[in-house]
C-alpha atoms as a PDB file:
ATOM      1  CA  MET A   1       0.000   0.000   0.000  1.00  0.00           C
ATOM      2  CA  ASN A   2       1.030   3.571  -0.503  1.00  0.00           C
ATOM      3  CA  GLU A   3       2.924   5.189   2.377  1.00  0.00           C
ATOM      4  CA  ILE A   4       0.580   8.216   2.408  1.00  0.00           C
ATOM      5  CA  LEU A   5      -2.491   5.977   2.592  1.00  0.00           C
ATOM      6  CA  ASN A   6      -0.938   4.065   5.478  1.00  0.00           C
ATOM      7  CA  SER A   7      -0.451   7.272   7.425  1.00  0.00           C
ATOM      8  CA  VAL A   8      -3.992   8.481   6.662  1.00  0.00           C
ATOM      9  CA  TYR A   9      -5.644   5.191   7.591  1.00  0.00           C
ATOM     10  CA  GLY A  10      -3.440   4.886  10.646  1.00  0.00           C
ATOM     11  CA  ALA A  11      -4.591   8.281  11.860  1.00  0.00           C
ATOM     12  CA  VAL A  12      -8.295   7.733  11.174  1.00  0.00           C
ATOM     13  CA  LEU A  13      -8.981   4.103  12.023  1.00  0.00           C
ATOM     14  CA  PRO A  14      -7.855   4.079  15.686  1.00  0.00           C
ATOM     15  CA  SER A  15     -10.559   6.599  16.558  1.00  0.00           C
ATOM     16  CA  ALA A  16     -13.277   4.931  14.467  1.00  0.00           C
ATOM     17  CA  PRO A  17     -14.840   2.979  17.384  1.00  0.00           C
ATOM     18  CA  TYR A  18     -15.261   6.205  19.334  1.00  0.00           C
ATOM     19  CA  VAL A  19     -16.870   7.955  16.378  1.00  0.00           C
ATOM     20  CA  ILE A  20     -19.225   5.031  15.804  1.00  0.00           C
ATOM     21  CA  ALA A  21     -20.103   4.929  19.504  1.00  0.00           C
ATOM     22  CA  ALA A  22     -20.780   8.668  19.532  1.00  0.00           C
ATOM     23  CA  TYR A  23     -23.122   8.423  16.545  1.00  0.00           C
ATOM     24  CA  ALA A  24     -24.885   5.420  18.074  1.00  0.00           C
ATOM     25  CA  LEU A  25     -25.340   7.285  21.349  1.00  0.00           C
ATOM     26  CA  ILE A  26     -26.762  10.317  19.564  1.00  0.00           C
ATOM     27  CA  TRP A  27     -29.233   8.152  17.619  1.00  0.00           C
ATOM     28  CA  VAL A  28     -30.336   6.302  20.752  1.00  0.00           C
ATOM     29  CA  ALA A  29     -30.813   9.585  22.608  1.00  0.00           C
ATOM     30  CA  LEU A  30     -32.824  10.974  19.688  1.00  0.00           C
ATOM     31  CA  PHE A  31     -35.090   7.916  19.570  1.00  0.00           C
ATOM     32  CA  VAL A  32     -35.642   8.037  23.336  1.00  0.00           C
ATOM     33  CA  PHE A  33     -36.488  11.745  23.155  1.00  0.00           C
ATOM     34  CA  VAL A  34     -38.954  11.199  20.305  1.00  0.00           C
ATOM     35  CA  ALA A  35     -40.580   8.294  22.168  1.00  0.00           C
ATOM     36  CA  ILE A  36     -41.006  10.440  25.284  1.00  0.00           C
ATOM     37  CA  VAL A  37     -42.515  13.298  23.266  1.00  0.00           C
ATOM     38  CA  ILE A  38     -44.933  10.961  21.462  1.00  0.00           C
ATOM     39  CA  ARG A  39     -45.991   9.409  24.767  1.00  0.00           C
ATOM     40  CA  GLY A  40     -46.637  12.881  26.169  1.00  0.00           C
ATOM     41  CA  PHE A  41     -48.741  13.839  23.147  1.00  0.00           C
ATOM     42  CA  LYS A  42     -50.821  10.678  23.464  1.00  0.00           C
ATOM     43  CA  LYS A  43     -51.425  11.346  27.156  1.00  0.00           C
ATOM     44  CA  SER A  44     -52.382  14.941  26.406  1.00  0.00           C
ATOM     45  CA  GLU A  45     -54.791  13.817  23.697  1.00  0.00           C
ATOM     46  CA  SER A  46     -56.490  11.379  26.068  1.00  0.00           C
ATOM     47  CA  ASP A  47     -56.708  14.053  28.762  1.00  0.00           C
ATOM     48  CA  ILE A  48     -58.270  16.494  26.288  1.00  0.00           C
ATOM     49  CA  ALA A  49     -60.786  13.848  25.207  1.00  0.00           C
ATOM     50  CA  LEU A  50     -61.768  13.261  28.844  1.00  0.00           C
ATOM     51  CA  LEU A  51     -62.147  16.999  29.412  1.00  0.00           C
ATOM     52  CA  GLU A  52     -64.320  17.337  26.307  1.00  0.00           C
ATOM     53  CA  GLU A  53     -66.575  14.529  27.557  1.00  0.00           C
ATOM     54  CA  ARG A  54     -66.842  16.148  30.979  1.00  0.00           C
ATOM     55  CA  VAL A  55     -67.661  19.554  29.484  1.00  0.00           C
ATOM     56  CA  GLU A  56     -70.389  17.964  27.356  1.00  0.00           C
ATOM     57  CA  GLU A  57     -71.829  16.249  30.450  1.00  0.00           C
ATOM     58  CA  LEU A  58     -71.861  19.545  32.351  1.00  0.00           C
ATOM     59  CA  ARG A  59     -73.559  21.330  29.442  1.00  0.00           C
ATOM     60  CA  THR A  60     -76.208  18.624  29.295  1.00  0.00           C
ATOM     61  CA  GLN A  61     -76.794  18.887  33.047  1.00  0.00           C
ATOM     62  CA  LYS A  62     -77.010  22.680  32.831  1.00  0.00           C
ATOM     63  CA  GLU A  63     -79.524  22.537  29.982  1.00  0.00           C
ATOM     64  CA  ALA A  64     -81.622  20.000  31.887  1.00  0.00           C
ATOM     65  CA  ALA A  65     -81.556  22.203  34.989  1.00  0.00           C
ATOM     66  CA  GLU A  66     -82.615  25.258  32.966  1.00  0.00           C
ATOM     67  CA  LYS A  67     -85.534  23.364  31.409  1.00  0.00           C
ATOM     68  CA  GLU A  68     -86.798  22.391  34.878  1.00  0.00           C
ATOM     69  CA  ARG A  69     -87.115  26.036  35.902  1.00  0.00           C
END
């Protein structure tokens, strides 16, 4: 092999495991963050649906009470 290529590959390859590990860590952190955000959105959506149901129940009760008067 060429002497220049040996020096280039010798300088780059020893640090390759650290670079690969850093990229893997970043990807794992990104996936965990996205999963947490999605879980939060789903919980918020279910909470909003429950609130909408409760508001509708209260409106129905209020209308029934007004009709009794």
